[in-house]
N, C-alpha and C. Protein backbone atom coordinates (compact mmCIF):
# COMPACT_ATOMS: atom_id res chain seq x y z
N UNK A 1 -174.73 128.54 64.30
CA UNK A 1 -174.64 127.12 64.56
C UNK A 1 -174.81 126.84 66.05
N UNK A 2 -174.28 127.76 66.86
CA UNK A 2 -174.38 127.58 68.31
C UNK A 2 -175.83 127.68 68.76
N UNK A 3 -176.59 128.60 68.19
CA UNK A 3 -178.00 128.77 68.53
C UNK A 3 -178.80 127.54 68.16
N UNK A 4 -178.47 127.00 66.99
CA UNK A 4 -179.17 125.80 66.54
C UNK A 4 -178.90 124.63 67.48
N UNK A 5 -177.67 124.47 67.92
CA UNK A 5 -177.34 123.35 68.82
C UNK A 5 -178.01 123.54 70.18
N UNK A 6 -178.12 124.78 70.67
CA UNK A 6 -178.82 125.03 71.93
C UNK A 6 -180.30 124.69 71.80
N UNK A 7 -180.90 125.14 70.71
CA UNK A 7 -182.32 124.87 70.48
C UNK A 7 -182.57 123.38 70.29
N UNK A 8 -181.63 122.70 69.65
CA UNK A 8 -181.75 121.26 69.46
C UNK A 8 -181.69 120.54 70.81
N UNK A 9 -180.79 121.00 71.69
CA UNK A 9 -180.68 120.40 73.02
C UNK A 9 -181.97 120.62 73.82
N UNK A 10 -182.51 121.81 73.72
CA UNK A 10 -183.78 122.12 74.41
C UNK A 10 -184.89 121.24 73.86
N UNK A 11 -184.93 121.10 72.55
CA UNK A 11 -185.95 120.27 71.92
C UNK A 11 -185.83 118.81 72.34
N UNK A 12 -184.60 118.32 72.49
CA UNK A 12 -184.40 116.94 72.92
C UNK A 12 -184.87 116.74 74.36
N UNK A 13 -184.61 117.72 75.23
CA UNK A 13 -185.07 117.64 76.62
C UNK A 13 -186.59 117.65 76.66
N UNK A 14 -187.18 118.55 75.90
CA UNK A 14 -188.65 118.63 75.86
C UNK A 14 -189.27 117.35 75.29
N UNK A 15 -188.63 116.76 74.30
CA UNK A 15 -189.10 115.50 73.73
C UNK A 15 -189.04 114.39 74.77
N UNK A 16 -187.96 114.35 75.54
CA UNK A 16 -187.83 113.34 76.60
C UNK A 16 -188.90 113.55 77.66
N UNK A 17 -189.14 114.80 78.04
CA UNK A 17 -190.19 115.09 79.02
C UNK A 17 -191.57 114.69 78.50
N UNK A 18 -191.79 114.96 77.23
CA UNK A 18 -193.07 114.61 76.62
C UNK A 18 -193.26 113.10 76.59
N UNK A 19 -192.19 112.35 76.35
CA UNK A 19 -192.26 110.89 76.34
C UNK A 19 -192.61 110.36 77.73
N UNK A 20 -191.98 110.94 78.76
CA UNK A 20 -192.27 110.53 80.14
C UNK A 20 -193.73 110.82 80.47
N UNK A 21 -194.19 112.00 80.09
CA UNK A 21 -195.58 112.38 80.32
C UNK A 21 -196.53 111.43 79.59
N UNK A 22 -196.17 111.05 78.36
CA UNK A 22 -196.99 110.15 77.57
C UNK A 22 -197.12 108.79 78.27
N UNK A 23 -196.01 108.30 78.81
CA UNK A 23 -196.03 107.02 79.52
C UNK A 23 -196.90 107.09 80.77
N UNK A 24 -196.79 108.20 81.51
CA UNK A 24 -197.61 108.36 82.71
C UNK A 24 -199.09 108.44 82.36
N UNK A 25 -199.40 109.17 81.32
CA UNK A 25 -200.79 109.29 80.87
C UNK A 25 -201.31 107.93 80.42
N UNK A 26 -200.48 107.16 79.76
CA UNK A 26 -200.87 105.81 79.33
C UNK A 26 -201.21 104.92 80.51
N UNK A 27 -200.39 104.98 81.57
CA UNK A 27 -200.65 104.19 82.77
C UNK A 27 -201.95 104.62 83.43
N UNK A 28 -202.16 105.92 83.51
CA UNK A 28 -203.39 106.43 84.12
C UNK A 28 -204.60 106.00 83.30
N UNK A 29 -204.51 106.10 81.99
CA UNK A 29 -205.61 105.71 81.13
C UNK A 29 -205.92 104.22 81.29
N UNK A 30 -204.90 103.42 81.45
CA UNK A 30 -205.08 101.98 81.64
C UNK A 30 -205.81 101.71 82.96
N UNK A 31 -205.39 102.40 84.03
CA UNK A 31 -206.03 102.23 85.33
C UNK A 31 -207.50 102.68 85.29
N UNK A 32 -207.74 103.81 84.65
CA UNK A 32 -209.11 104.32 84.54
C UNK A 32 -209.98 103.35 83.74
N UNK A 33 -209.43 102.81 82.68
CA UNK A 33 -210.17 101.84 81.88
C UNK A 33 -210.52 100.60 82.68
N UNK A 34 -209.58 100.12 83.50
CA UNK A 34 -209.85 98.95 84.34
C UNK A 34 -210.94 99.26 85.36
N UNK A 35 -210.83 100.42 86.00
CA UNK A 35 -211.85 100.81 86.98
C UNK A 35 -213.21 100.95 86.32
N UNK A 36 -213.23 101.48 85.11
CA UNK A 36 -214.50 101.64 84.39
C UNK A 36 -215.11 100.27 84.09
N UNK A 37 -214.29 99.33 83.63
CA UNK A 37 -214.81 97.99 83.34
C UNK A 37 -215.33 97.32 84.61
N UNK A 38 -214.57 97.45 85.71
CA UNK A 38 -215.00 96.87 86.99
C UNK A 38 -216.32 97.48 87.45
N UNK A 39 -216.43 98.80 87.33
CA UNK A 39 -217.65 99.49 87.75
C UNK A 39 -218.83 99.07 86.88
N UNK A 40 -218.62 98.97 85.59
CA UNK A 40 -219.70 98.53 84.69
C UNK A 40 -220.13 97.11 85.02
N UNK A 41 -219.18 96.24 85.36
CA UNK A 41 -219.52 94.86 85.74
C UNK A 41 -220.32 94.85 87.04
N UNK A 42 -219.87 95.65 88.02
CA UNK A 42 -220.60 95.73 89.29
C UNK A 42 -222.02 96.25 89.08
N UNK A 43 -222.16 97.26 88.24
CA UNK A 43 -223.47 97.82 87.95
C UNK A 43 -224.36 96.79 87.26
N UNK A 44 -223.81 96.05 86.32
CA UNK A 44 -224.59 95.03 85.62
C UNK A 44 -225.08 93.95 86.59
N UNK A 45 -224.25 93.64 87.59
CA UNK A 45 -224.66 92.65 88.59
C UNK A 45 -225.73 93.20 89.53
N UNK A 46 -225.65 94.50 89.85
CA UNK A 46 -226.57 95.10 90.81
C UNK A 46 -227.92 95.47 90.21
N UNK A 47 -227.96 95.80 88.94
CA UNK A 47 -229.21 96.26 88.32
C UNK A 47 -230.37 95.27 88.46
N UNK A 48 -230.16 93.99 88.24
CA UNK A 48 -231.30 93.06 88.42
C UNK A 48 -231.85 93.07 89.84
N UNK A 49 -230.98 93.20 90.83
CA UNK A 49 -231.45 93.23 92.22
C UNK A 49 -232.25 94.49 92.49
N UNK A 50 -231.81 95.61 91.96
CA UNK A 50 -232.54 96.87 92.15
C UNK A 50 -233.90 96.78 91.45
N UNK A 51 -233.93 96.24 90.24
CA UNK A 51 -235.20 96.10 89.53
C UNK A 51 -236.15 95.16 90.27
N UNK A 52 -235.63 94.09 90.82
CA UNK A 52 -236.47 93.16 91.59
C UNK A 52 -237.00 93.86 92.84
N UNK A 53 -236.17 94.64 93.48
CA UNK A 53 -236.61 95.37 94.68
C UNK A 53 -237.69 96.39 94.33
N UNK A 54 -237.52 97.08 93.23
CA UNK A 54 -238.53 98.05 92.80
C UNK A 54 -239.84 97.35 92.47
N UNK A 55 -239.77 96.19 91.84
CA UNK A 55 -240.98 95.42 91.54
C UNK A 55 -241.67 94.97 92.82
N UNK A 56 -240.88 94.57 93.80
CA UNK A 56 -241.45 94.14 95.08
C UNK A 56 -242.14 95.31 95.79
N UNK A 57 -241.57 96.50 95.64
CA UNK A 57 -242.20 97.67 96.26
C UNK A 57 -243.57 97.95 95.68
N UNK A 58 -243.74 97.65 94.40
CA UNK A 58 -245.04 97.88 93.76
C UNK A 58 -246.14 96.98 94.30
N UNK A 59 -245.77 95.92 95.00
CA UNK A 59 -246.78 95.02 95.55
C UNK A 59 -247.29 95.48 96.91
N UNK A 60 -246.59 96.42 97.54
CA UNK A 60 -247.00 96.90 98.86
C UNK A 60 -248.17 97.88 98.75
N UNK A 61 -249.00 97.87 99.77
CA UNK A 61 -250.07 98.86 99.82
C UNK A 61 -250.05 99.54 101.19
N UNK A 62 -250.96 100.48 101.39
CA UNK A 62 -250.99 101.26 102.62
C UNK A 62 -251.22 100.36 103.83
N UNK A 63 -252.04 99.33 103.68
CA UNK A 63 -252.32 98.42 104.79
C UNK A 63 -251.06 97.71 105.26
N UNK A 64 -250.22 97.28 104.31
CA UNK A 64 -248.97 96.63 104.65
C UNK A 64 -248.07 97.55 105.46
N UNK A 65 -247.95 98.80 105.01
CA UNK A 65 -247.09 99.75 105.70
C UNK A 65 -247.66 100.12 107.07
N UNK A 66 -248.97 100.26 107.16
CA UNK A 66 -249.60 100.60 108.44
C UNK A 66 -249.38 99.49 109.47
N UNK A 67 -249.45 98.25 109.03
CA UNK A 67 -249.24 97.15 109.98
C UNK A 67 -247.79 97.14 110.48
N UNK A 68 -246.85 97.52 109.64
CA UNK A 68 -245.45 97.59 110.08
C UNK A 68 -245.25 98.75 111.05
N UNK A 69 -245.87 99.87 110.76
CA UNK A 69 -245.71 101.05 111.61
C UNK A 69 -246.34 100.83 112.98
N UNK A 70 -247.37 100.00 113.05
CA UNK A 70 -248.06 99.76 114.31
C UNK A 70 -247.39 98.72 115.20
N UNK A 71 -246.32 98.12 114.73
CA UNK A 71 -245.63 97.09 115.52
C UNK A 71 -244.97 97.72 116.75
N UNK A 72 -245.22 97.13 117.92
CA UNK A 72 -244.58 97.62 119.14
C UNK A 72 -243.10 97.27 119.10
N UNK A 73 -242.79 96.04 118.72
CA UNK A 73 -241.40 95.60 118.62
C UNK A 73 -241.21 94.96 117.24
N UNK A 74 -240.83 95.77 116.25
CA UNK A 74 -240.66 95.22 114.90
C UNK A 74 -239.49 94.24 114.84
N UNK A 75 -239.52 93.35 113.86
CA UNK A 75 -238.41 92.40 113.70
C UNK A 75 -237.08 93.13 113.50
N UNK A 76 -236.01 92.48 113.89
CA UNK A 76 -234.69 93.11 113.69
C UNK A 76 -234.46 93.45 112.21
N UNK A 77 -233.78 94.51 111.98
CA UNK A 77 -233.39 94.95 110.63
C UNK A 77 -234.54 95.57 109.83
N UNK A 78 -235.75 95.65 110.39
CA UNK A 78 -236.86 96.24 109.64
C UNK A 78 -236.59 97.71 109.34
N UNK A 79 -235.96 98.40 110.30
CA UNK A 79 -235.61 99.81 110.06
C UNK A 79 -234.69 99.94 108.85
N UNK A 80 -233.75 99.02 108.72
CA UNK A 80 -232.82 99.06 107.59
C UNK A 80 -233.56 98.80 106.27
N UNK A 81 -234.54 97.91 106.30
CA UNK A 81 -235.33 97.63 105.09
C UNK A 81 -236.08 98.87 104.66
N UNK A 82 -236.70 99.56 105.62
CA UNK A 82 -237.44 100.77 105.27
C UNK A 82 -236.51 101.89 104.83
N UNK A 83 -235.35 102.00 105.44
CA UNK A 83 -234.38 103.01 105.01
C UNK A 83 -233.93 102.74 103.58
N UNK A 84 -233.69 101.48 103.27
CA UNK A 84 -233.28 101.10 101.90
C UNK A 84 -234.41 101.39 100.91
N UNK A 85 -235.64 101.14 101.34
CA UNK A 85 -236.80 101.43 100.50
C UNK A 85 -236.88 102.92 100.20
N UNK A 86 -236.65 103.72 101.23
CA UNK A 86 -236.69 105.17 101.03
C UNK A 86 -235.59 105.60 100.05
N UNK A 87 -234.43 104.98 100.14
CA UNK A 87 -233.34 105.32 99.21
C UNK A 87 -233.72 104.97 97.78
N UNK A 88 -234.39 103.83 97.61
CA UNK A 88 -234.81 103.43 96.26
C UNK A 88 -235.85 104.39 95.69
N UNK A 89 -236.72 104.89 96.56
CA UNK A 89 -237.81 105.75 96.10
C UNK A 89 -237.44 107.23 96.10
N UNK A 90 -236.27 107.58 96.63
CA UNK A 90 -235.85 108.97 96.66
C UNK A 90 -235.79 109.53 95.24
N UNK A 91 -236.38 110.67 95.06
CA UNK A 91 -236.42 111.29 93.74
C UNK A 91 -237.59 110.83 92.90
N UNK A 92 -238.25 109.75 93.33
CA UNK A 92 -239.42 109.25 92.60
C UNK A 92 -240.68 109.71 93.32
N UNK A 93 -240.69 109.54 94.64
CA UNK A 93 -241.83 109.96 95.44
C UNK A 93 -241.54 111.34 96.04
N UNK A 94 -242.38 112.32 95.75
CA UNK A 94 -242.13 113.66 96.26
C UNK A 94 -242.21 113.76 97.80
N UNK A 95 -242.85 112.80 98.44
CA UNK A 95 -242.98 112.85 99.90
C UNK A 95 -241.66 112.49 100.61
N UNK A 96 -240.71 111.93 99.89
CA UNK A 96 -239.41 111.60 100.48
C UNK A 96 -238.47 112.77 100.23
N UNK A 97 -238.11 113.46 101.30
CA UNK A 97 -237.27 114.65 101.21
C UNK A 97 -235.82 114.22 101.02
N UNK A 98 -235.19 114.82 100.03
CA UNK A 98 -233.78 114.49 99.74
C UNK A 98 -232.91 115.73 99.89
N UNK A 99 -231.63 115.49 100.15
CA UNK A 99 -230.65 116.56 100.24
C UNK A 99 -230.27 117.00 98.83
N UNK A 100 -229.43 118.02 98.73
CA UNK A 100 -228.99 118.51 97.43
C UNK A 100 -228.25 117.44 96.64
N UNK A 101 -227.54 116.53 97.35
CA UNK A 101 -226.79 115.49 96.67
C UNK A 101 -227.64 114.28 96.31
N UNK A 102 -228.95 114.33 96.60
CA UNK A 102 -229.87 113.25 96.23
C UNK A 102 -230.07 112.19 97.28
N UNK A 103 -229.36 112.29 98.40
CA UNK A 103 -229.51 111.30 99.47
C UNK A 103 -230.73 111.64 100.32
N UNK A 104 -231.32 110.61 100.92
CA UNK A 104 -232.50 110.80 101.77
C UNK A 104 -232.10 111.63 102.98
N UNK A 105 -232.90 112.66 103.25
CA UNK A 105 -232.60 113.57 104.35
C UNK A 105 -232.83 112.89 105.71
N UNK A 106 -233.94 112.20 105.85
CA UNK A 106 -234.28 111.54 107.10
C UNK A 106 -234.78 110.14 106.77
N UNK A 107 -233.99 109.12 107.11
CA UNK A 107 -234.34 107.75 106.75
C UNK A 107 -235.22 107.07 107.80
N UNK A 108 -235.64 107.80 108.82
CA UNK A 108 -236.53 107.18 109.81
C UNK A 108 -237.94 107.15 109.25
N UNK A 109 -238.69 106.17 109.65
CA UNK A 109 -240.06 106.06 109.16
C UNK A 109 -241.00 106.15 110.30
């Protein structure tokens, strides 16, 4: 009888610990679910802009790029536009060298 009561006490402690763990896991799952929904919403908002940017890139030709490269004093932020363009084309155009993590190795043009 004594062994049974000891084992019962151990089982009750383990059950209480399991309940605490279950509650913590539930909170974590709730947070992860919220972050997932937020991320999916952000992605849904960003996708149209990325698609529009990719479509705009298809309208450029070599002459357009050459005229930009030949500018002595390009407009402000043009470097950022070209860096963003390289990021969009990374992995698509073999001439854009990327790092192991997929980021553009050299964003200068």
